[in-house]
C-alpha atoms as a PDB file:
ATOM      1  CA  MET A   1      -0.101  -0.062   0.118  1.00  0.00           C
ATOM      2  CA  ASN A   2       1.613   3.079  -1.025  1.00  0.00           C
ATOM      3  CA  ASN A   3      -0.358   5.733   0.758  1.00  0.00           C
ATOM      4  CA  PRO A   4      -1.870   4.402   3.990  1.00  0.00           C
ATOM      5  CA  ASN A   5      -4.786   6.236   5.584  1.00  0.00           C
ATOM      6  CA  ILE A   6      -3.572   7.773   8.723  1.00  0.00           C
ATOM      7  CA  ILE A   7      -6.022   8.568  11.512  1.00  0.00           C
ATOM      8  CA  THR A   8      -4.921  11.880  13.500  1.00  0.00           C
ATOM      9  CA  ARG A   9      -6.914  14.182  15.925  1.00  0.00           C
ATOM     10  CA  ASP A  10      -8.232  15.873  12.552  1.00  0.00           C
ATOM     11  CA  ASN A  11     -10.262  12.796  12.426  1.00  0.00           C
ATOM     12  CA  GLU A  12     -11.781  12.958  15.830  1.00  0.00           C
ATOM     13  CA  MET A  13     -15.530  13.481  16.289  1.00  0.00           C
ATOM     14  CA  ASN A  14     -17.534  14.336  19.448  1.00  0.00           C
ATOM     15  CA  ILE A  15     -20.349  11.644  19.784  1.00  0.00           C
ATOM     16  CA  ILE A  16     -23.681  12.044  21.298  1.00  0.00           C
ATOM     17  CA  ALA A  17     -25.418   8.913  21.990  1.00  0.00           C
ATOM     18  CA  TYR A  18     -28.691   8.118  23.938  1.00  0.00           C
ATOM     19  CA  GLN A  19     -29.233   4.779  25.803  1.00  0.00           C
ATOM     20  CA  ILE A  20     -32.867   3.420  25.033  1.00  0.00           C
ATOM     21  CA  THR A  21     -34.792   2.732  28.323  1.00  0.00           C
ATOM     22  CA  ASN A  22     -35.149  -0.786  29.505  1.00  0.00           C
ATOM     23  CA  SER A  23     -32.592  -1.768  26.704  1.00  0.00           C
ATOM     24  CA  ASP A  24     -28.951  -2.294  26.065  1.00  0.00           C
ATOM     25  CA  ASP A  25     -29.105  -0.626  22.650  1.00  0.00           C
ATOM     26  CA  PHE A  26     -28.083   3.035  22.005  1.00  0.00           C
ATOM     27  CA  ILE A  27     -29.296   5.534  19.307  1.00  0.00           C
ATOM     28  CA  LEU A  28     -26.110   6.889  17.805  1.00  0.00           C
ATOM     29  CA  GLY A  29     -27.366   9.390  15.230  1.00  0.00           C
ATOM     30  CA  ARG A  30     -29.399   9.977  12.255  1.00  0.00           C
ATOM     31  CA  THR A  31     -28.884   9.489   8.400  1.00  0.00           C
ATOM     32  CA  ASN A  32     -29.336  12.394   5.810  1.00  0.00           C
ATOM     33  CA  ASP A  33     -32.558  10.537   4.923  1.00  0.00           C
ATOM     34  CA  LYS A  34     -33.871  10.766   8.476  1.00  0.00           C
ATOM     35  CA  GLY A  35     -32.869   7.294   9.423  1.00  0.00           C
ATOM     36  CA  TRP A  36     -32.014   6.389  13.143  1.00  0.00           C
ATOM     37  CA  ILE A  37     -28.642   4.672  13.590  1.00  0.00           C
ATOM     38  CA  VAL A  38     -28.820   2.186  16.448  1.00  0.00           C
ATOM     39  CA  GLN A  39     -26.352   0.063  17.956  1.00  0.00           C
ATOM     40  CA  THR A  40     -27.657  -3.170  19.447  1.00  0.00           C
ATOM     41  CA  ILE A  41     -25.877  -6.385  20.668  1.00  0.00           C
ATOM     42  CA  ASP A  42     -26.232  -7.674  16.956  1.00  0.00           C
ATOM     43  CA  GLY A  43     -24.805  -4.839  15.372  1.00  0.00           C
ATOM     44  CA  ILE A  44     -25.500  -1.548  13.992  1.00  0.00           C
ATOM     45  CA  PHE A  45     -28.957  -0.993  12.313  1.00  0.00           C
ATOM     46  CA  ILE A  46     -30.843   1.951  10.635  1.00  0.00           C
ATOM     47  CA  TYR A  47     -34.513   2.180  11.468  1.00  0.00           C
ATOM     48  CA  SER A  48     -37.017   4.471   9.994  1.00  0.00           C
ATOM     49  CA  THR A  49     -39.152   6.633  12.781  1.00  0.00           C
ATOM     50  CA  ASN A  50     -41.898   4.311  12.403  1.00  0.00           C
ATOM     51  CA  GLU A  51     -39.826   1.389  13.116  1.00  0.00           C
ATOM     52  CA  MET A  52     -38.170   2.848  16.018  1.00  0.00           C
ATOM     53  CA  GLU A  53     -41.307   3.645  17.631  1.00  0.00           C
ATOM     54  CA  GLU A  54     -42.693   0.123  17.075  1.00  0.00           C
ATOM     55  CA  VAL A  55     -39.477  -1.856  18.010  1.00  0.00           C
ATOM     56  CA  TYR A  56     -38.864   0.143  21.070  1.00  0.00           C
ATOM     57  CA  CYS A  57     -42.216   1.674  22.057  1.00  0.00           C
ATOM     58  CA  LEU A  58     -40.627   5.228  21.938  1.00  0.00           C
ATOM     59  CA  ASP A  59     -42.481   8.515  21.279  1.00  0.00           C
ATOM     60  CA  LEU A  60     -39.745  10.234  19.154  1.00  0.00           C
ATOM     61  CA  ILE A  61     -42.068  13.176  18.405  1.00  0.00           C
ATOM     62  CA  GLN A  62     -41.847  14.239  22.168  1.00  0.00           C
ATOM     63  CA  SER A  63     -38.222  13.510  22.408  1.00  0.00           C
ATOM     64  CA  ASN A  64     -35.480  16.150  22.304  1.00  0.00           C
ATOM     65  CA  LEU A  65     -33.044  14.321  20.101  1.00  0.00           C
ATOM     66  CA  GLU A  66     -32.257  17.125  17.539  1.00  0.00           C
ATOM     67  CA  ARG A  67     -28.732  17.232  18.733  1.00  0.00           C
ATOM     68  CA  LEU A  68     -28.258  13.951  16.753  1.00  0.00           C
ATOM     69  CA  THR A  69     -28.381  15.989  13.647  1.00  0.00           C
ATOM     70  CA  TRP A  70     -26.016  18.791  14.701  1.00  0.00           C
ATOM     71  CA  PRO A  71     -22.714  18.547  12.987  1.00  0.00           C
ATOM     72  CA  SER A  72     -19.576  17.619  15.539  1.00  0.00           C
END
């Protein structure tokens, strides 16, 4: 490999995550098309808002998760 990728402090990001109540899963962020990025014990998944509300019984309309869309 002639030009390896080098990770420096310039690649560092501040991460905001929310633990889902009564679960070991975490909401890590949002995608550009408004999907929810969720880390579970089985891996990382992207859910729609409807899927999130059904799978986790969450009221995302009343939540204060807009920080997940802020740039780091």
